[in-house]
Each structure stands twice: as structure tokens, then as C-alpha cells.
Amino acid sequence: TVNGAAVTFELPEEVPLIHALRDGLGLFGTRFGCGAEQCG
């Protein structure tokens, strides 16, 4: 569930969630920073 809506992704399970949100759903508010959990 993303923002209250049921969502199905047709992507490999190992894809980082941020890419599924941004590229798959167009939710660009979640920013890609460091890629290492260091910036928030």
C-alpha cells in the first residue's frame, strides 16, 4: 500500500523501493541522496 492505495509492482524484488516509487509511480518527493542511508 502506497499512500493508502493498493499498488502492484512488476519489478524484481531486489530493486530499491525509492526507484519503484520514483520511476514506477512518479512520486518524486522522495529524493535520492547518498544511496547509503546516510543523508535522510
Full PDB file with SEQRES, HELIX, SHEET, SSBOND, CRYST1, ORIGX, SCALE, CONECT and MASTER records, all heavy atoms in Angstrom:
SEQRES   1 A   40  THR VAL ASN GLY ALA ALA VAL THR PHE GLU LEU PRO GLU          
SEQRES   2 A   40  GLU VAL PRO LEU ILE HIS ALA LEU ARG ASP GLY LEU GLY          
SEQRES   3 A   40  LEU PHE GLY THR ARG PHE GLY CYS GLY ALA GLU GLN CYS          
SEQRES   4 A   40  GLY                                                          
HELIX    1 AA1 LEU A   17  HIS A   19  1                                   3    
HELIX    2 AA2 ALA A   20  GLY A   24  3                                   5    
HELIX    3 AA3 LEU A   25  LEU A   25  1                                   1    
CRYST1    1.000    1.000    1.000  90.00  90.00  90.00 P 1           1          
ORIGX1      1.000000  0.000000  0.000000        0.00000                         
ORIGX2      0.000000  1.000000  0.000000        0.00000                         
ORIGX3      0.000000  0.000000  1.000000        0.00000                         
SCALE1      1.000000  0.000000  0.000000        0.00000                         
SCALE2      0.000000  1.000000  0.000000        0.00000                         
SCALE3      0.000000  0.000000  1.000000        0.00000                         
ATOM      1  N   THR A   1       0.861  -1.176   0.000  1.00  0.00           N  
ATOM      2  CA  THR A   1       0.000   0.000   0.000  1.00  0.00           C  
ATOM      3  C   THR A   1       0.896   1.224   0.000  1.00  0.00           C  
ATOM      4  O   THR A   1       1.808   1.332   0.816  1.00  0.00           O  
ATOM      5  CB  THR A   1      -0.894   0.011   1.265  1.00  0.00           C  
ATOM      6  OG1 THR A   1      -1.654  -1.187   1.287  1.00  0.00           O  
ATOM      7  CG2 THR A   1      -1.828   1.197   1.261  1.00  0.00           C  
ATOM      8  N   VAL A   2       0.651   2.131  -0.942  1.00  0.00           N  
ATOM      9  CA  VAL A   2       1.432   3.363  -1.030  1.00  0.00           C  
ATOM     10  C   VAL A   2       0.468   4.535  -0.901  1.00  0.00           C  
ATOM     11  O   VAL A   2      -0.454   4.677  -1.704  1.00  0.00           O  
ATOM     12  CB  VAL A   2       2.224   3.455  -2.353  1.00  0.00           C  
ATOM     13  CG1 VAL A   2       2.973   4.780  -2.432  1.00  0.00           C  
ATOM     14  CG2 VAL A   2       3.190   2.288  -2.481  1.00  0.00           C  
ATOM     15  N   ASN A   3       0.671   5.311   0.143  1.00  0.00           N  
ATOM     16  CA  ASN A   3      -0.180   6.475   0.421  1.00  0.00           C  
ATOM     17  C   ASN A   3      -1.667   6.113   0.436  1.00  0.00           C  
ATOM     18  O   ASN A   3      -2.505   6.838  -0.074  1.00  0.00           O  
ATOM     19  CB  ASN A   3       0.110   7.605  -0.579  1.00  0.00           C  
ATOM     20  CG  ASN A   3       1.513   8.121  -0.446  1.00  0.00           C  
ATOM     21  OD1 ASN A   3       2.121   8.036   0.617  1.00  0.00           O  
ATOM     22  ND2 ASN A   3       2.050   8.654  -1.525  1.00  0.00           N  
ATOM     23  N   GLY A   4      -1.947   4.938   1.011  1.00  0.00           N  
ATOM     24  CA  GLY A   4      -3.324   4.498   1.190  1.00  0.00           C  
ATOM     25  C   GLY A   4      -3.917   3.734   0.027  1.00  0.00           C  
ATOM     26  O   GLY A   4      -5.042   3.235   0.128  1.00  0.00           O  
ATOM     27  N   ALA A   5      -3.224   3.605  -1.074  1.00  0.00           N  
ATOM     28  CA  ALA A   5      -3.743   2.896  -2.247  1.00  0.00           C  
ATOM     29  C   ALA A   5      -2.984   1.587  -2.461  1.00  0.00           C  
ATOM     30  O   ALA A   5      -1.762   1.542  -2.347  1.00  0.00           O  
ATOM     31  CB  ALA A   5      -3.616   3.776  -3.494  1.00  0.00           C  
ATOM     32  N   ALA A   6      -3.723   0.537  -2.777  1.00  0.00           N  
ATOM     33  CA  ALA A   6      -3.084  -0.741  -3.086  1.00  0.00           C  
ATOM     34  C   ALA A   6      -2.320  -0.614  -4.400  1.00  0.00           C  
ATOM     35  O   ALA A   6      -2.836  -0.061  -5.371  1.00  0.00           O  
ATOM     36  CB  ALA A   6      -4.130  -1.836  -3.186  1.00  0.00           C  
ATOM     37  N   VAL A   7      -1.089  -1.108  -4.407  1.00  0.00           N  
ATOM     38  CA  VAL A   7      -0.218  -0.986  -5.571  1.00  0.00           C  
ATOM     39  C   VAL A   7       0.414  -2.342  -5.857  1.00  0.00           C  
ATOM     40  O   VAL A   7       0.777  -3.071  -4.934  1.00  0.00           O  
ATOM     41  CB  VAL A   7       0.900   0.060  -5.308  1.00  0.00           C  
ATOM     42  CG1 VAL A   7       1.882   0.104  -6.449  1.00  0.00           C  
ATOM     43  CG2 VAL A   7       0.312   1.425  -5.057  1.00  0.00           C  
ATOM     44  N   THR A   8       0.526  -2.660  -7.135  1.00  0.00           N  
ATOM     45  CA  THR A   8       1.251  -3.846  -7.572  1.00  0.00           C  
ATOM     46  C   THR A   8       2.415  -3.398  -8.437  1.00  0.00           C  
ATOM     47  O   THR A   8       2.224  -2.637  -9.388  1.00  0.00           O  
ATOM     48  CB  THR A   8       0.339  -4.787  -8.383  1.00  0.00           C  
ATOM     49  OG1 THR A   8      -0.764  -5.178  -7.560  1.00  0.00           O  
ATOM     50  CG2 THR A   8       1.090  -6.019  -8.841  1.00  0.00           C  
ATOM     51  N   PHE A   9       3.601  -3.846  -8.083  1.00  0.00           N  
ATOM     52  CA  PHE A   9       4.804  -3.542  -8.856  1.00  0.00           C  
ATOM     53  C   PHE A   9       5.213  -4.778  -9.641  1.00  0.00           C  
ATOM     54  O   PHE A   9       5.237  -5.876  -9.091  1.00  0.00           O  
ATOM     55  CB  PHE A   9       5.967  -3.143  -7.943  1.00  0.00           C  
ATOM     56  CG  PHE A   9       5.795  -1.819  -7.262  1.00  0.00           C  
ATOM     57  CD1 PHE A   9       5.387  -1.761  -5.943  1.00  0.00           C  
ATOM     58  CD2 PHE A   9       6.052  -0.636  -7.932  1.00  0.00           C  
ATOM     59  CE1 PHE A   9       5.237  -0.550  -5.294  1.00  0.00           C  
ATOM     60  CE2 PHE A   9       5.906   0.587  -7.299  1.00  0.00           C  
ATOM     61  CZ  PHE A   9       5.495   0.632  -5.982  1.00  0.00           C  
ATOM     62  N   GLU A  10       5.514  -4.605 -10.899  1.00  0.00           N  
ATOM     63  CA  GLU A  10       6.034  -5.682 -11.744  1.00  0.00           C  
ATOM     64  C   GLU A  10       7.536  -5.471 -11.923  1.00  0.00           C  
ATOM     65  O   GLU A  10       8.019  -5.272 -13.022  1.00  0.00           O  
ATOM     66  CB  GLU A  10       5.319  -5.679 -13.098  1.00  0.00           C  
ATOM     67  CG  GLU A  10       3.823  -5.894 -13.021  1.00  0.00           C  
ATOM     68  CD  GLU A  10       3.450  -7.278 -12.514  1.00  0.00           C  
ATOM     69  OE1 GLU A  10       4.235  -8.232 -12.729  1.00  0.00           O  
ATOM     70  OE2 GLU A  10       2.374  -7.403 -11.897  1.00  0.00           O  
ATOM     71  N   LEU A  11       8.240  -5.478 -10.803  1.00  0.00           N  
ATOM     72  CA  LEU A  11       9.676  -5.245 -10.785  1.00  0.00           C  
ATOM     73  C   LEU A  11      10.341  -6.335  -9.953  1.00  0.00           C  
ATOM     74  O   LEU A  11       9.708  -6.914  -9.069  1.00  0.00           O  
ATOM     75  CB  LEU A  11       9.991  -3.878 -10.154  1.00  0.00           C  
ATOM     76  CG  LEU A  11       9.476  -2.645 -10.883  1.00  0.00           C  
ATOM     77  CD1 LEU A  11       9.592  -1.416  -9.995  1.00  0.00           C  
ATOM     78  CD2 LEU A  11      10.251  -2.447 -12.173  1.00  0.00           C  
ATOM     79  N   PRO A  12      11.620  -6.578 -10.176  1.00  0.00           N  
ATOM     80  CA  PRO A  12      12.333  -7.551  -9.342  1.00  0.00           C  
ATOM     81  C   PRO A  12      12.323  -7.107  -7.871  1.00  0.00           C  
ATOM     82  O   PRO A  12      12.394  -5.914  -7.566  1.00  0.00           O  
ATOM     83  CB  PRO A  12      13.755  -7.541  -9.904  1.00  0.00           C  
ATOM     84  CG  PRO A  12      13.630  -6.989 -11.286  1.00  0.00           C  
ATOM     85  CD  PRO A  12      12.472  -6.036 -11.246  1.00  0.00           C  
ATOM     86  N   GLU A  13      12.243  -8.065  -6.976  1.00  0.00           N  
ATOM     87  CA  GLU A  13      12.185  -7.779  -5.538  1.00  0.00           C  
ATOM     88  C   GLU A  13      13.407  -7.044  -5.020  1.00  0.00           C  
ATOM     89  O   GLU A  13      13.325  -6.349  -4.014  1.00  0.00           O  
ATOM     90  CB  GLU A  13      11.983  -9.067  -4.746  1.00  0.00           C  
ATOM     91  CG  GLU A  13      10.598  -9.636  -4.875  1.00  0.00           C  
ATOM     92  CD  GLU A  13      10.357 -10.773  -3.911  1.00  0.00           C  
ATOM     93  OE1 GLU A  13      11.240 -11.083  -3.073  1.00  0.00           O  
ATOM     94  OE2 GLU A  13       9.263 -11.350  -3.980  1.00  0.00           O  
ATOM     95  N   GLU A  14      14.537  -7.168  -5.680  1.00  0.00           N  
ATOM     96  CA  GLU A  14      15.761  -6.529  -5.179  1.00  0.00           C  
ATOM     97  C   GLU A  14      15.877  -5.059  -5.581  1.00  0.00           C  
ATOM     98  O   GLU A  14      16.777  -4.355  -5.115  1.00  0.00           O  
ATOM     99  CB  GLU A  14      17.015  -7.294  -5.626  1.00  0.00           C  
ATOM    100  CG  GLU A  14      17.221  -7.339  -7.115  1.00  0.00           C  
ATOM    101  CD  GLU A  14      16.504  -8.494  -7.825  1.00  0.00           C  
ATOM    102  OE1 GLU A  14      15.739  -9.238  -7.191  1.00  0.00           O  
ATOM    103  OE2 GLU A  14      16.715  -8.633  -9.030  1.00  0.00           O  
ATOM    104  N   VAL A  15      14.973  -4.561  -6.397  1.00  0.00           N  
ATOM    105  CA  VAL A  15      15.001  -3.142  -6.771  1.00  0.00           C  
ATOM    106  C   VAL A  15      14.787  -2.300  -5.513  1.00  0.00           C  
ATOM    107  O   VAL A  15      13.888  -2.584  -4.726  1.00  0.00           O  
ATOM    108  CB  VAL A  15      13.900  -2.838  -7.810  1.00  0.00           C  
ATOM    109  CG1 VAL A  15      13.694  -1.341  -8.000  1.00  0.00           C  
ATOM    110  CG2 VAL A  15      14.226  -3.512  -9.121  1.00  0.00           C  
ATOM    111  N   PRO A  16      15.605  -1.264  -5.295  1.00  0.00           N  
ATOM    112  CA  PRO A  16      15.378  -0.396  -4.131  1.00  0.00           C  
ATOM    113  C   PRO A  16      14.003   0.280  -4.220  1.00  0.00           C  
ATOM    114  O   PRO A  16      13.579   0.712  -5.293  1.00  0.00           O  
ATOM    115  CB  PRO A  16      16.505   0.625  -4.213  1.00  0.00           C  
ATOM    116  CG  PRO A  16      17.589  -0.067  -4.986  1.00  0.00           C  
ATOM    117  CD  PRO A  16      16.851  -0.912  -5.996  1.00  0.00           C  
ATOM    118  N   LEU A  17      13.336   0.356  -3.102  1.00  0.00           N  
ATOM    119  CA  LEU A  17      11.995   0.928  -3.055  1.00  0.00           C  
ATOM    120  C   LEU A  17      11.958   2.336  -3.642  1.00  0.00           C  
ATOM    121  O   LEU A  17      11.006   2.712  -4.325  1.00  0.00           O  
ATOM    122  CB  LEU A  17      11.466   0.930  -1.617  1.00  0.00           C  
ATOM    123  CG  LEU A  17      10.071   1.507  -1.428  1.00  0.00           C  
ATOM    124  CD1 LEU A  17       9.032   0.728  -2.218  1.00  0.00           C  
ATOM    125  CD2 LEU A  17       9.721   1.537   0.053  1.00  0.00           C  
ATOM    126  N   ILE A  18      12.993   3.134  -3.396  1.00  0.00           N  
ATOM    127  CA  ILE A  18      12.994   4.501  -3.910  1.00  0.00           C  
ATOM    128  C   ILE A  18      12.820   4.531  -5.424  1.00  0.00           C  
ATOM    129  O   ILE A  18      12.112   5.386  -5.958  1.00  0.00           O  
ATOM    130  CB  ILE A  18      14.261   5.280  -3.491  1.00  0.00           C  
ATOM    131  CG1 ILE A  18      14.098   6.758  -3.872  1.00  0.00           C  
ATOM    132  CG2 ILE A  18      15.519   4.679  -4.084  1.00  0.00           C  
ATOM    133  CD1 ILE A  18      15.149   7.666  -3.290  1.00  0.00           C  
ATOM    134  N   HIS A  19      13.423   3.605  -6.131  1.00  0.00           N  
ATOM    135  CA  HIS A  19      13.308   3.587  -7.596  1.00  0.00           C  
ATOM    136  C   HIS A  19      11.905   3.171  -8.022  1.00  0.00           C  
ATOM    137  O   HIS A  19      11.373   3.708  -9.000  1.00  0.00           O  
ATOM    138  CB  HIS A  19      14.374   2.689  -8.208  1.00  0.00           C  
ATOM    139  CG  HIS A  19      15.759   3.173  -7.944  1.00  0.00           C  
ATOM    140  ND1 HIS A  19      16.190   4.441  -8.274  1.00  0.00           N  
ATOM    141  CD2 HIS A  19      16.810   2.561  -7.353  1.00  0.00           C  
ATOM    142  CE1 HIS A  19      17.450   4.587  -7.909  1.00  0.00           C  
ATOM    143  NE2 HIS A  19      17.850   3.466  -7.345  1.00  0.00           N  
ATOM    144  N   ALA A  20      11.299   2.254  -7.297  1.00  0.00           N  
ATOM    145  CA  ALA A  20       9.921   1.856  -7.610  1.00  0.00           C  
ATOM    146  C   ALA A  20       8.972   3.027  -7.384  1.00  0.00           C  
ATOM    147  O   ALA A  20       8.054   3.254  -8.178  1.00  0.00           O  
ATOM    148  CB  ALA A  20       9.519   0.662  -6.754  1.00  0.00           C  
ATOM    149  N   LEU A  21       9.186   3.791  -6.311  1.00  0.00           N  
ATOM    150  CA  LEU A  21       8.331   4.939  -6.020  1.00  0.00           C  
ATOM    151  C   LEU A  21       8.508   6.041  -7.058  1.00  0.00           C  
ATOM    152  O   LEU A  21       7.532   6.578  -7.581  1.00  0.00           O  
ATOM    153  CB  LEU A  21       8.633   5.490  -4.621  1.00  0.00           C  
ATOM    154  CG  LEU A  21       8.309   4.566  -3.458  1.00  0.00           C  
ATOM    155  CD1 LEU A  21       8.870   5.138  -2.159  1.00  0.00           C  
ATOM    156  CD2 LEU A  21       6.817   4.319  -3.351  1.00  0.00           C  
ATOM    157  N   ARG A  22       9.739   6.373  -7.341  1.00  0.00           N  
ATOM    158  CA  ARG A  22      10.017   7.492  -8.264  1.00  0.00           C  
ATOM    159  C   ARG A  22       9.743   7.101  -9.714  1.00  0.00           C  
ATOM    160  O   ARG A  22       9.021   7.788 -10.417  1.00  0.00           O  
ATOM    161  CB  ARG A  22      11.459   7.968  -8.103  1.00  0.00           C  
ATOM    162  CG  ARG A  22      11.723   8.662  -6.754  1.00  0.00           C  
ATOM    163  CD  ARG A  22      13.177   9.083  -6.601  1.00  0.00           C  
ATOM    164  NE  ARG A  22      13.598   9.989  -7.653  1.00  0.00           N  
ATOM    165  CZ  ARG A  22      13.386  11.305  -7.648  1.00  0.00           C  
ATOM    166  NH1 ARG A  22      12.750  11.866  -6.626  1.00  0.00           N  
ATOM    167  NH2 ARG A  22      13.818  12.066  -8.636  1.00  0.00           N  
ATOM    168  N   ASP A  23      10.328   5.991 -10.151  1.00  0.00           N  
ATOM    169  CA  ASP A  23      10.236   5.609 -11.553  1.00  0.00           C  
ATOM    170  C   ASP A  23       8.929   4.895 -11.883  1.00  0.00           C  
ATOM    171  O   ASP A  23       8.387   5.073 -12.967  1.00  0.00           O  
ATOM    172  CB  ASP A  23      11.420   4.725 -11.955  1.00  0.00           C  
ATOM    173  CG  ASP A  23      12.757   5.398 -11.717  1.00  0.00           C  
ATOM    174  OD1 ASP A  23      12.807   6.647 -11.687  1.00  0.00           O  
ATOM    175  OD2 ASP A  23      13.753   4.679 -11.544  1.00  0.00           O  
ATOM    176  N   GLY A  24       8.436   4.095 -10.934  1.00  0.00           N  
ATOM    177  CA  GLY A  24       7.219   3.328 -11.190  1.00  0.00           C  
ATOM    178  C   GLY A  24       5.938   4.089 -10.923  1.00  0.00           C  
ATOM    179  O   GLY A  24       4.946   3.912 -11.623  1.00  0.00           O  
ATOM    180  N   LEU A  25       5.944   4.954  -9.906  1.00  0.00           N  
ATOM    181  CA  LEU A  25       4.725   5.658  -9.518  1.00  0.00           C  
ATOM    182  C   LEU A  25       4.789   7.168  -9.740  1.00  0.00           C  
ATOM    183  O   LEU A  25       3.800   7.863  -9.533  1.00  0.00           O  
ATOM    184  CB  LEU A  25       4.387   5.377  -8.047  1.00  0.00           C  
ATOM    185  CG  LEU A  25       4.105   3.929  -7.686  1.00  0.00           C  
ATOM    186  CD1 LEU A  25       3.821   3.800  -6.192  1.00  0.00           C  
ATOM    187  CD2 LEU A  25       2.945   3.374  -8.500  1.00  0.00           C  
ATOM    188  N   GLY A  26       5.946   7.685 -10.093  1.00  0.00           N  
ATOM    189  CA  GLY A  26       6.071   9.127 -10.307  1.00  0.00           C  
ATOM    190  C   GLY A  26       5.988   9.937  -9.030  1.00  0.00           C  
ATOM    191  O   GLY A  26       5.625  11.113  -9.056  1.00  0.00           O  
ATOM    192  N   LEU A  27       6.343   9.331  -7.894  1.00  0.00           N  
ATOM    193  CA  LEU A  27       6.360  10.030  -6.611  1.00  0.00           C  
ATOM    194  C   LEU A  27       7.764  10.579  -6.383  1.00  0.00           C  
ATOM    195  O   LEU A  27       8.614   9.939  -5.779  1.00  0.00           O  
ATOM    196  CB  LEU A  27       5.921   9.082  -5.480  1.00  0.00           C  
ATOM    197  CG  LEU A  27       4.487   8.577  -5.601  1.00  0.00           C  
ATOM    198  CD1 LEU A  27       4.206   7.492  -4.571  1.00  0.00           C  
ATOM    199  CD2 LEU A  27       3.505   9.721  -5.483  1.00  0.00           C  
ATOM    200  N   PHE A  28       7.990  11.776  -6.887  1.00  0.00           N  
ATOM    201  CA  PHE A  28       9.327  12.355  -6.904  1.00  0.00           C  
ATOM    202  C   PHE A  28       9.689  13.108  -5.629  1.00  0.00           C  
ATOM    203  O   PHE A  28      10.794  13.619  -5.511  1.00  0.00           O  
ATOM    204  CB  PHE A  28       9.482  13.269  -8.115  1.00  0.00           C  
ATOM    205  CG  PHE A  28       9.324  12.533  -9.416  1.00  0.00           C  
ATOM    206  CD1 PHE A  28       8.238  12.779 -10.229  1.00  0.00           C  
ATOM    207  CD2 PHE A  28      10.247  11.583  -9.788  1.00  0.00           C  
ATOM    208  CE1 PHE A  28       8.081  12.088 -11.421  1.00  0.00           C  
ATOM    209  CE2 PHE A  28      10.101  10.887 -10.970  1.00  0.00           C  
ATOM    210  CZ  PHE A  28       9.015  11.139 -11.795  1.00  0.00           C  
ATOM    211  N   GLY A  29       8.777  13.199  -4.660  1.00  0.00           N  
ATOM    212  CA  GLY A  29       9.084  13.870  -3.403  1.00  0.00           C  
ATOM    213  C   GLY A  29      10.135  13.138  -2.597  1.00  0.00           C  
ATOM    214  O   GLY A  29      10.901  13.743  -1.854  1.00  0.00           O  
ATOM    215  N   THR A  30      10.185  11.833  -2.732  1.00  0.00           N  
ATOM    216  CA  THR A  30      11.225  11.035  -2.079  1.00  0.00           C  
ATOM    217  C   THR A  30      12.490  11.217  -2.900  1.00  0.00           C  
ATOM    218  O   THR A  30      12.542  10.844  -4.061  1.00  0.00           O  
ATOM    219  CB  THR A  30      10.811   9.553  -2.020  1.00  0.00           C  
ATOM    220  OG1 THR A  30       9.564   9.461  -1.331  1.00  0.00           O  
ATOM    221  CG2 THR A  30      11.852   8.716  -1.297  1.00  0.00           C  
ATOM    222  N   ARG A  31      13.495  11.813  -2.288  1.00  0.00           N  
ATOM    223  CA  ARG A  31      14.711  12.195  -3.018  1.00  0.00           C  
ATOM    224  C   ARG A  31      15.798  11.139  -2.889  1.00  0.00           C  
ATOM    225  O   ARG A  31      15.943  10.507  -1.853  1.00  0.00           O  
ATOM    226  CB  ARG A  31      15.274  13.512  -2.479  1.00  0.00           C  
ATOM    227  CG  ARG A  31      14.312  14.635  -2.365  1.00  0.00           C  
ATOM    228  CD  ARG A  31      13.864  15.106  -3.731  1.00  0.00           C  
ATOM    229  NE  ARG A  31      12.799  16.070  -3.587  1.00  0.00           N  
ATOM    230  CZ  ARG A  31      12.934  17.357  -3.808  1.00  0.00           C  
ATOM    231  NH1 ARG A  31      14.077  17.838  -4.216  1.00  0.00           N  
ATOM    232  NH2 ARG A  31      11.928  18.172  -3.630  1.00  0.00           N  
ATOM    233  N   PHE A  32      16.563  10.979  -3.942  1.00  0.00           N  
ATOM    234  CA  PHE A  32      17.747  10.132  -3.878  1.00  0.00           C  
ATOM    235  C   PHE A  32      18.924  11.014  -3.511  1.00  0.00           C  
ATOM    236  O   PHE A  32      19.210  11.999  -4.190  1.00  0.00           O  
ATOM    237  CB  PHE A  32      18.022   9.429  -5.203  1.00  0.00           C  
ATOM    238  CG  PHE A  32      19.175   8.466  -5.112  1.00  0.00           C  
ATOM    239  CD1 PHE A  32      18.985   7.195  -4.625  1.00  0.00           C  
ATOM    240  CD2 PHE A  32      20.450   8.863  -5.458  1.00  0.00           C  
ATOM    241  CE1 PHE A  32      20.048   6.311  -4.499  1.00  0.00           C  
ATOM    242  CE2 PHE A  32      21.525   7.991  -5.342  1.00  0.00           C  
ATOM    243  CZ  PHE A  32      21.316   6.715  -4.860  1.00  0.00           C  
ATOM    244  N   GLY A  33      19.575  10.678  -2.405  1.00  0.00           N  
ATOM    245  CA  GLY A  33      20.721  11.456  -1.955  1.00  0.00           C  
ATOM    246  C   GLY A  33      22.000  10.653  -2.078  1.00  0.00           C  
ATOM    247  O   GLY A  33      22.649  10.625  -3.109  1.00  0.00           O  
ATOM    248  N   CYS A  34      22.318   9.940  -1.016  1.00  0.00           N  
ATOM    249  CA  CYS A  34      23.604   9.249  -0.952  1.00  0.00           C  
ATOM    250  C   CYS A  34      23.522   7.785  -1.393  1.00  0.00           C  
ATOM    251  O   CYS A  34      24.525   7.203  -1.774  1.00  0.00           O  
ATOM    252  CB  CYS A  34      24.142   9.316   0.466  1.00  0.00           C  
ATOM    253  SG  CYS A  34      23.121   8.404   1.662  1.00  0.00           S  
ATOM    254  N   GLY A  35      22.355   7.171  -1.261  1.00  0.00           N  
ATOM    255  CA  GLY A  35      22.223   5.757  -1.594  1.00  0.00           C  
ATOM    256  C   GLY A  35      22.791   4.830  -0.541  1.00  0.00           C  
ATOM    257  O   GLY A  35      22.938   3.631  -0.776  1.00  0.00           O  
ATOM    258  N   ALA A  36      23.115   5.374   0.635  1.00  0.00           N  
ATOM    259  CA  ALA A  36      23.750   4.567   1.684  1.00  0.00           C  
ATOM    260  C   ALA A  36      23.149   4.821   3.075  1.00  0.00           C  
ATOM    261  O   ALA A  36      23.814   4.602   4.080  1.00  0.00           O  
ATOM    262  CB  ALA A  36      25.244   4.849   1.715  1.00  0.00           C  
ATOM    263  N   GLU A  37      21.907   5.308   3.128  1.00  0.00           N  
ATOM    264  CA  GLU A  37      21.211   5.581   4.389  1.00  0.00           C  
ATOM    265  C   GLU A  37      21.932   6.604   5.265  1.00  0.00           C  
ATOM    266  O   GLU A  37      21.825   6.574   6.483  1.00  0.00           O  
ATOM    267  CB  GLU A  37      21.002   4.297   5.199  1.00  0.00           C  
ATOM    268  CG  GLU A  37      20.103   3.291   4.556  1.00  0.00           C  
ATOM    269  CD  GLU A  37      19.820   2.095   5.443  1.00  0.00           C  
ATOM    270  OE1 GLU A  37      20.121   2.128   6.660  1.00  0.00           O  
ATOM    271  OE2 GLU A  37      19.281   1.106   4.918  1.00  0.00           O  
ATOM    272  N   GLN A  38      22.676   7.517   4.672  1.00  0.00           N  
ATOM    273  CA  GLN A  38      23.454   8.469   5.452  1.00  0.00           C  
ATOM    274  C   GLN A  38      22.924   9.897   5.422  1.00  0.00           C  
ATOM    275  O   GLN A  38      23.394  10.730   6.180  1.00  0.00           O  
ATOM    276  CB  GLN A  38      24.904   8.468   4.961  1.00  0.00           C  
ATOM    277  CG  GLN A  38      25.590   7.137   5.110  1.00  0.00           C  
ATOM    278  CD  GLN A  38      25.685   6.682   6.552  1.00  0.00           C  
ATOM    279  OE1 GLN A  38      26.186   7.396   7.402  1.00  0.00           O  
ATOM    280  NE2 GLN A  38      25.186   5.494   6.835  1.00  0.00           N  
ATOM    281  N   CYS A  39      21.947  10.206   4.546  1.00  0.00           N  
ATOM    282  CA  CYS A  39      21.539  11.611   4.403  1.00  0.00           C  
ATOM    283  C   CYS A  39      20.080  11.877   4.765  1.00  0.00           C  
ATOM    284  O   CYS A  39      19.726  13.009   5.066  1.00  0.00           O  
ATOM    285  CB  CYS A  39      21.826  12.105   2.989  1.00  0.00           C  
ATOM    286  SG  CYS A  39      20.744  11.418   1.727  1.00  0.00           S  
ATOM    287  N   GLY A  40      19.210  10.882   4.701  1.00  0.00           N  
ATOM    288  CA  GLY A  40      17.813  11.063   5.064  1.00  0.00           C  
ATOM    289  C   GLY A  40      16.916  11.615   3.971  1.00  0.00           C  
ATOM    290  O   GLY A  40      15.715  11.749   4.168  1.00  0.00           O  
TER     291      GLY A  40                                                      
MASTER        0    0    0    3    0    0    0    6  290    1    0    4          
END                                                                             
